[in-house]
Protein backbone atom coordinates (compact mmCIF):
# COMPACT_ATOMS: atom_id res chain seq x y z
CA MET A 1 8.28 13.84 26.05
CA ASN A 2 4.86 14.32 24.52
CA SER A 3 3.78 11.10 22.78
CA GLY A 4 1.35 12.93 20.52
CA GLU A 5 4.00 15.34 19.28
CA LEU A 6 6.46 12.48 18.80
CA LEU A 7 3.87 10.52 16.82
CA GLU A 8 3.04 13.57 14.69
CA ARG A 9 6.71 14.23 13.87
CA SER A 10 7.28 10.55 13.02
CA LEU A 11 4.26 10.51 10.74
CA ALA A 12 5.39 13.71 8.99
CA TYR A 13 8.86 12.25 8.42
CA THR A 14 7.46 8.98 7.09
CA LEU A 15 4.96 10.67 4.80
CA GLY A 16 7.88 12.58 3.32
CA SER A 17 9.62 9.27 2.64
CA VAL A 18 6.49 7.69 1.19
CA ALA A 19 6.04 10.67 -1.14
CA GLU A 20 9.30 9.58 -2.81
CA ILE A 21 7.81 6.27 -3.99
CA GLY A 22 6.50 7.61 -7.31
CA SER A 23 7.01 4.89 -9.88
CA VAL A 24 9.42 2.80 -7.80
CA ASN A 25 8.85 -0.94 -8.22
CA LEU A 26 7.04 -2.21 -5.10
CA GLY A 27 8.97 -5.48 -5.44
CA ARG A 28 12.25 -3.73 -4.49
CA GLY A 29 14.13 -4.97 -1.46
CA THR A 30 14.11 -3.05 1.80
CA PRO A 31 16.33 -2.96 4.89
CA CYS A 32 13.68 -5.29 6.41
CA ALA A 33 15.10 -8.41 4.75
CA GLU A 34 11.82 -10.34 4.95
CA TRP A 35 9.75 -7.64 3.16
CA ASP A 36 9.81 -6.02 -0.23
CA LEU A 37 8.59 -2.41 -0.54
CA GLY A 38 4.97 -3.42 -1.15
CA GLU A 39 4.95 -5.67 1.92
CA LEU A 40 6.58 -2.93 4.00
CA LEU A 41 3.85 -0.48 2.95
CA THR A 42 1.23 -3.06 3.93
CA HIS A 43 2.93 -3.39 7.33
CA ILE A 44 2.89 0.40 7.81
CA ASP A 45 -0.82 0.40 6.86
CA ASP A 46 -1.46 -2.30 9.47
CA SER A 47 0.53 -0.39 12.10
CA LEU A 48 -1.48 2.78 11.47
CA ASP A 49 -4.71 0.82 11.68
CA ALA A 50 -3.57 -0.74 14.98
CA LEU A 51 -2.71 2.70 16.40
CA TYR A 52 -6.10 4.00 15.34
CA GLU A 53 -7.82 1.02 16.93
CA GLY A 54 -5.88 1.58 20.16
CA LEU A 55 -6.96 5.21 20.23
CA THR A 56 -10.60 4.79 19.25
CA GLY A 57 -11.55 1.17 19.75
CA GLY A 58 -12.52 1.03 16.05
CA ARG A 59 -10.79 0.34 12.76
CA ILE A 60 -9.99 2.83 10.00
CA GLY A 61 -11.27 0.43 7.39
CA LEU A 62 -9.85 -0.65 4.10
CA PHE A 63 -8.87 1.66 1.29
CA PRO A 64 -8.25 0.62 -2.28
CA ARG A 65 -4.61 -0.34 -2.71
CA ALA A 66 -4.38 1.39 -6.11
CA ASP A 67 -2.80 4.52 -4.62
CA ARG A 68 -0.66 3.35 -1.70
CA VAL A 69 0.65 6.82 -0.89
CA CYS A 70 -2.85 8.31 -0.69
CA GLY A 71 -3.98 5.44 1.53
CA LEU A 72 -1.06 5.94 3.91
CA ARG A 73 -1.74 9.68 4.08
CA THR A 74 -5.40 9.03 4.84
CA ARG A 75 -4.51 6.57 7.61
CA ALA A 76 -1.90 8.93 9.07
CA CYS A 77 -4.47 11.76 9.18
CA ALA A 78 -7.00 9.45 10.83
CA VAL A 79 -4.46 8.50 13.51
CA LEU A 80 -3.54 12.14 14.17
CA GLY A 81 -7.19 13.10 14.30
CA ALA A 82 -7.91 10.32 16.79
CA TRP A 83 -4.96 11.39 18.95
CA THR A 84 -6.10 15.02 18.87
CA ALA A 85 -9.66 14.04 19.80
CA GLY A 86 -8.28 12.16 22.76
CA PRO A 87 -7.91 8.44 23.28
CA ALA A 88 -11.06 6.50 24.12
CA GLU A 89 -9.24 4.91 27.07
CA GLU A 90 -6.10 5.62 29.10
CA ARG A 91 -5.02 2.00 28.71
CA VAL A 92 -5.25 -0.22 25.65
CA LEU A 93 -4.85 -3.94 25.24
CA VAL A 94 -1.95 -5.08 23.11
CA GLY A 95 -2.51 -8.78 22.79
CA GLU A 96 -3.49 -9.71 26.32
CA ARG A 97 -1.45 -6.99 28.02
CA PRO A 98 -2.72 -3.56 29.10
CA LEU A 99 -0.55 -0.67 27.92
CA ASP A 100 -0.72 3.04 28.70
CA VAL A 101 -1.94 4.82 25.56
CA ARG A 102 0.96 7.29 25.75
CA VAL A 103 3.42 4.41 25.64
CA MET A 104 1.52 2.97 22.66
CA GLY A 105 1.85 6.34 20.89
CA ALA A 106 5.59 6.57 21.61
CA VAL A 107 6.23 2.99 20.48
CA GLY A 108 4.13 3.63 17.38
CA ALA A 109 6.26 6.70 16.65
CA VAL A 110 9.43 4.57 16.72
CA GLU A 111 7.92 2.00 14.37
CA ILE A 112 6.51 4.55 11.94
CA ALA A 113 9.70 6.64 11.72
CA VAL A 114 12.07 3.72 11.33
CA HIS A 115 9.90 2.20 8.62
CA GLY A 116 9.81 5.62 6.96
CA TRP A 117 13.59 5.41 6.84
CA ASP A 118 13.28 1.89 5.39
CA VAL A 119 10.97 3.20 2.64
CA ALA A 120 13.36 6.02 1.70
CA GLN A 121 16.26 3.57 1.53
CA ALA A 122 14.28 1.16 -0.65
CA CYS A 123 13.39 4.03 -3.00
CA GLY A 124 17.07 4.90 -3.36
CA ARG A 125 16.47 8.35 -1.87
CA PRO A 126 17.96 8.21 1.64
CA ARG A 127 16.50 10.63 4.18
CA PRO A 128 18.08 10.74 7.63
CA VAL A 129 15.66 10.76 10.54
CA PRO A 130 15.87 14.33 11.93
CA ALA A 131 18.39 14.47 14.78
CA SER A 132 16.06 15.68 17.55
CA LEU A 133 13.36 13.17 16.55
CA ALA A 134 15.92 10.34 16.37
CA ALA A 135 17.29 11.19 19.84
CA GLU A 136 13.81 11.04 21.38
CA LEU A 137 12.93 7.85 19.52
CA LEU A 138 16.19 6.24 20.66
CA SER A 139 15.24 6.96 24.29
CA VAL A 140 11.90 5.21 23.73
CA ALA A 141 13.46 2.28 21.86
CA ARG A 142 15.98 1.66 24.64
CA LEU A 143 13.09 1.36 27.10
CA VAL A 144 10.86 -0.94 25.07
CA VAL A 145 13.05 -3.17 22.89
CA ALA A 146 13.97 -6.23 24.91
CA GLU A 147 16.55 -8.90 24.12
CA GLU A 148 13.76 -11.35 23.24
CA ASP A 149 12.69 -8.94 20.47
CA ARG A 150 16.04 -9.49 18.73
CA GLY A 151 15.81 -11.83 15.78
CA VAL A 152 12.00 -11.54 15.84
CA ARG A 153 11.08 -7.87 15.54
CA PHE A 154 14.55 -6.37 15.33
CA GLY A 155 18.01 -7.47 14.32
CA ALA A 156 20.98 -7.55 16.62
CA PRO A 157 22.34 -4.10 17.44
CA VAL A 158 24.98 -2.83 15.03
CA ASP A 159 28.17 -1.33 16.42
CA VAL A 160 28.61 2.39 15.77
CA ALA A 161 30.80 5.06 17.28
CA PRO A 162 29.41 6.36 20.59
CA ARG A 163 29.42 9.89 19.16
CA ALA A 164 27.63 8.92 15.96
CA ARG A 165 24.62 11.03 14.99
CA ALA A 166 21.39 10.22 16.83
CA ASP A 167 19.75 8.78 13.71
CA VAL A 168 22.70 6.43 13.13
CA ARG A 169 22.57 5.28 16.77
CA LEU A 170 18.79 4.75 16.58
CA LEU A 171 19.07 2.66 13.42
CA ALA A 172 22.02 0.70 14.83
CA PHE A 173 20.14 -0.04 18.06
CA LEU A 174 17.31 -1.48 15.99
CA GLY A 175 19.68 -3.62 13.88
CA ARG A 176 20.05 -1.39 10.84
CA ARG A 177 23.07 0.18 9.22
CA ASP A 178 22.76 3.84 8.23
CA SER A 179 22.94 2.87 4.57
CA PHE A 180 21.27 0.22 2.47
CA PRO A 181 22.81 -1.15 -0.69
CA GLY A 182 19.36 -1.24 -2.30
């Protein structure tokens, strides 16, 4: 699995979801019970900035929040550009722990894609995570999501049929149902 390709595909999927925001009220609920749509977009912004910092050692900087979609696109392009240019280091610090930059990219891809799904659900325009992307992200998630992450970063896994689509299994593993009542 190529972390850069996985990150690029996740960003493309999420930008497609974000493009659906239009005039949707940013106060709408999301599958992330603790965040409304505006707070979820802020979290995605922060995640992109953290990925950029891991790749370059610097920050993207702040953009006006007037056009959230444009800001997310700009951050996504900055992250992809930094990945293409090559990480500043092979290992990055996440908190106090060193992490291989490829692992950081793969974990970032999981976060970005799943939150892209959350955005689409909140907008009332569901978009399944593409099957091949979801299958690869599920492999990553199974390696990096620990039991102590449950209830903090992720909900408890949701039961689904073993032969469910890859996107449904990915969402279920991360504590989401494949639909959101919105």
